[in-house]
Amino acid sequence: MYWDFADAEACRDWGQRLALRIDIPAVIYLAGDLGVGKTTLTQAVLRALGVTQSIKSPTYTLMEAYQTRIGPALHLDLYRLLEPEELEFIGIRDYLAEPALWLVEWPERGTGFLPSADLSLNLSILDSGSHRLEWRGHQPRVQDWTEFLPPPSGGSSNRDVG
């Protein structure tokens, strides 16, 4: 399935509406080139879940932890990770023990050390300048998260891609 968004604001709105359906434990992988909106979407989800503090990209710290209205949330940006084993240095195994919402940018760089995804999102910018978000659910409950989300205002969707 995919959604096309006119701009980053429409993508942000979709992320806020998705957040209203998420329950934990949940693992969401975010893929796409630099600058396509992975952090923007993550910020929208966390804001909608009640995070009021500054939400910054953890590009240099690898991970930021937040408390949300549904429980703990972890935002990982693994772009600068050279080897998946580096996740051991931030104590990744300690975080695996507790239910949380995981929002992971560049998940392919943490292969073997991350929990399996419930939902994979791939963001891209089309030639027209609009944004596309493709999603693939890996667990049956994820269908409930996106099934009733309308297409973004000024955008379109294709619910047959899966």
Protein backbone atom coordinates (compact mmCIF):
# COMPACT_ATOMS: atom_id res chain seq x y z
CA MET A 1 0.00 0.00 0.00
CA TYR A 2 1.16 3.53 -0.54
CA TRP A 3 0.08 7.07 0.11
CA ASP A 4 1.16 10.11 -1.89
CA PHE A 5 1.41 13.41 -0.03
CA ALA A 6 1.49 16.89 -1.50
CA ASP A 7 4.13 18.01 0.99
CA ALA A 8 5.88 17.30 4.28
CA GLU A 9 2.99 18.83 6.26
CA ALA A 10 0.55 16.25 4.85
CA CYS A 11 3.03 13.50 5.74
CA ARG A 12 3.25 14.91 9.27
CA ASP A 13 -0.55 14.86 9.52
CA TRP A 14 -0.63 11.20 8.44
CA GLY A 15 1.98 10.34 11.09
CA GLN A 16 -0.12 12.02 13.78
CA ARG A 17 -3.19 10.03 12.75
CA LEU A 18 -1.19 6.79 12.66
CA ALA A 19 0.03 7.47 16.20
CA LEU A 20 -3.55 7.38 17.47
CA ARG A 21 -3.77 3.71 16.44
CA ILE A 22 -0.39 2.41 17.61
CA ASP A 23 -0.09 0.24 20.69
CA ILE A 24 3.05 -1.20 22.24
CA PRO A 25 5.11 -3.21 21.90
CA ALA A 26 5.60 -2.02 18.32
CA VAL A 27 8.54 -1.79 15.97
CA ILE A 28 8.40 0.53 12.96
CA TYR A 29 11.22 0.61 10.44
CA LEU A 30 11.65 3.79 8.39
CA ALA A 31 13.62 3.57 5.14
CA GLY A 32 14.43 6.05 2.40
CA ASP A 33 17.14 8.35 1.17
CA LEU A 34 18.54 11.22 3.20
CA GLY A 35 16.11 14.10 3.54
CA VAL A 36 12.90 12.31 2.52
CA GLY A 37 11.15 12.84 5.86
CA LYS A 38 11.90 9.88 8.14
CA THR A 39 12.70 12.10 11.12
CA THR A 40 9.79 14.42 10.30
CA LEU A 41 7.39 11.48 10.35
CA THR A 42 8.92 10.18 13.59
CA GLN A 43 8.54 13.60 15.21
CA ALA A 44 4.87 13.71 14.19
CA VAL A 45 4.20 10.28 15.71
CA LEU A 46 5.95 11.19 18.98
CA ARG A 47 4.20 14.58 19.24
CA ALA A 48 0.83 12.91 18.75
CA LEU A 49 1.75 10.47 21.53
CA GLY A 50 2.25 13.37 23.92
CA VAL A 51 6.00 14.05 23.79
CA THR A 52 6.48 17.74 24.54
CA GLN A 53 10.26 17.90 24.81
CA SER A 54 12.53 18.61 21.86
CA ILE A 55 12.57 15.69 19.41
CA LYS A 56 15.83 15.71 17.50
CA SER A 57 17.38 13.27 15.11
CA PRO A 58 19.68 10.87 16.98
CA THR A 59 22.14 10.80 14.09
CA TYR A 60 25.15 11.21 16.38
CA THR A 61 23.80 9.60 19.56
CA LEU A 62 22.20 6.66 17.67
CA MET A 63 19.21 6.61 20.02
CA GLU A 64 16.91 8.93 21.95
CA ALA A 65 14.39 7.65 24.50
CA TYR A 66 11.04 9.31 25.23
CA GLN A 67 8.09 8.69 27.50
CA THR A 68 4.74 8.76 25.67
CA ARG A 69 1.14 8.34 26.77
CA ILE A 70 1.31 4.67 25.67
CA GLY A 71 4.69 3.93 27.25
CA PRO A 72 8.37 4.24 26.37
CA ALA A 73 9.47 5.08 22.83
CA LEU A 74 12.90 4.70 21.28
CA HIS A 75 13.98 6.65 18.21
CA LEU A 76 17.04 5.18 16.53
CA ASP A 77 18.91 6.67 13.57
CA LEU A 78 21.50 4.15 12.45
CA TYR A 79 22.82 6.10 9.45
CA ARG A 80 26.28 6.56 10.99
CA LEU A 81 26.54 2.99 12.28
CA LEU A 82 29.51 1.24 10.68
CA GLU A 83 28.80 -2.25 12.05
CA PRO A 84 25.61 -3.62 13.66
CA GLU A 85 27.69 -4.75 16.65
CA GLU A 86 28.10 -1.09 17.62
CA LEU A 87 24.56 -1.27 19.00
CA GLU A 88 26.01 -3.25 21.89
CA PHE A 89 27.83 -0.08 23.02
CA ILE A 90 24.53 1.68 23.66
CA GLY A 91 23.16 -1.31 25.56
CA ILE A 92 20.62 -2.35 22.95
CA ARG A 93 19.91 -5.65 24.71
CA ASP A 94 18.74 -3.81 27.84
CA TYR A 95 16.07 -2.04 25.80
CA LEU A 96 14.85 -5.27 24.21
CA ALA A 97 13.65 -6.53 27.60
CA GLU A 98 10.93 -3.87 28.01
CA PRO A 99 7.88 -3.32 25.78
CA ALA A 100 8.30 -0.09 23.85
CA LEU A 101 7.59 1.69 20.60
CA TRP A 102 10.68 1.43 18.39
CA LEU A 103 11.01 3.94 15.52
CA VAL A 104 14.12 2.93 13.58
CA GLU A 105 15.67 4.90 10.73
CA TRP A 106 18.15 3.00 8.54
CA PRO A 107 17.20 -0.37 10.11
CA GLU A 108 19.26 -2.38 7.61
CA ARG A 109 22.38 -1.12 9.40
CA GLY A 110 21.32 -2.85 12.61
CA THR A 111 20.55 -6.26 11.15
CA GLY A 112 20.83 -9.01 13.73
CA PHE A 113 20.55 -6.67 16.72
CA LEU A 114 17.10 -5.11 16.25
CA PRO A 115 13.70 -6.57 17.00
CA SER A 116 11.69 -7.62 13.94
CA ALA A 117 9.51 -4.94 12.38
CA ASP A 118 5.76 -4.87 12.81
CA LEU A 119 5.51 -2.19 10.14
CA SER A 120 8.00 -1.07 7.49
CA LEU A 121 7.65 2.38 5.97
CA ASN A 122 9.59 3.49 2.90
CA LEU A 123 9.58 7.20 2.11
CA SER A 124 10.55 8.79 -1.18
CA ILE A 125 10.15 12.01 -3.10
CA LEU A 126 8.58 11.67 -6.54
CA ASP A 127 9.64 13.58 -9.65
CA SER A 128 6.63 15.84 -9.12
CA GLY A 129 8.04 16.86 -5.73
CA SER A 130 5.29 15.12 -3.80
CA HIS A 131 6.14 12.58 -1.12
CA ARG A 132 5.31 8.88 -1.25
CA LEU A 133 5.03 6.62 1.77
CA GLU A 134 4.85 2.89 1.12
CA TRP A 135 3.98 0.59 3.97
CA ARG A 136 4.22 -3.11 4.55
CA GLY A 137 2.71 -4.72 7.61
CA HIS A 138 4.46 -7.75 9.03
CA GLN A 139 1.91 -8.55 11.75
CA PRO A 140 -1.89 -8.91 11.41
CA ARG A 141 -2.58 -6.21 14.02
CA VAL A 142 -0.80 -3.62 11.85
CA GLN A 143 -3.71 -3.79 9.42
CA ASP A 144 -5.80 -2.09 12.12
CA TRP A 145 -3.28 0.75 12.37
CA THR A 146 -3.67 1.83 8.76
CA GLU A 147 -6.90 0.26 7.55
CA PHE A 148 -9.10 3.20 8.46
CA LEU A 149 -6.67 6.02 7.75
CA PRO A 150 -8.03 8.12 4.91
CA PRO A 151 -5.72 9.31 2.16
CA PRO A 152 -3.95 12.53 3.09
CA SER A 153 -5.68 15.77 2.17
CA GLY A 154 -4.49 16.73 -1.27
CA GLY A 155 -3.02 13.27 -1.73
CA SER A 156 -3.93 9.82 -2.92
CA SER A 157 -3.48 6.21 -1.91
CA ASN A 158 -3.31 2.73 -3.34
CA ARG A 159 -4.50 0.15 -0.86
CA ASP A 160 -3.68 -2.79 -3.13
CA VAL A 161 0.10 -2.58 -2.76
CA GLY A 162 1.25 -4.80 0.07
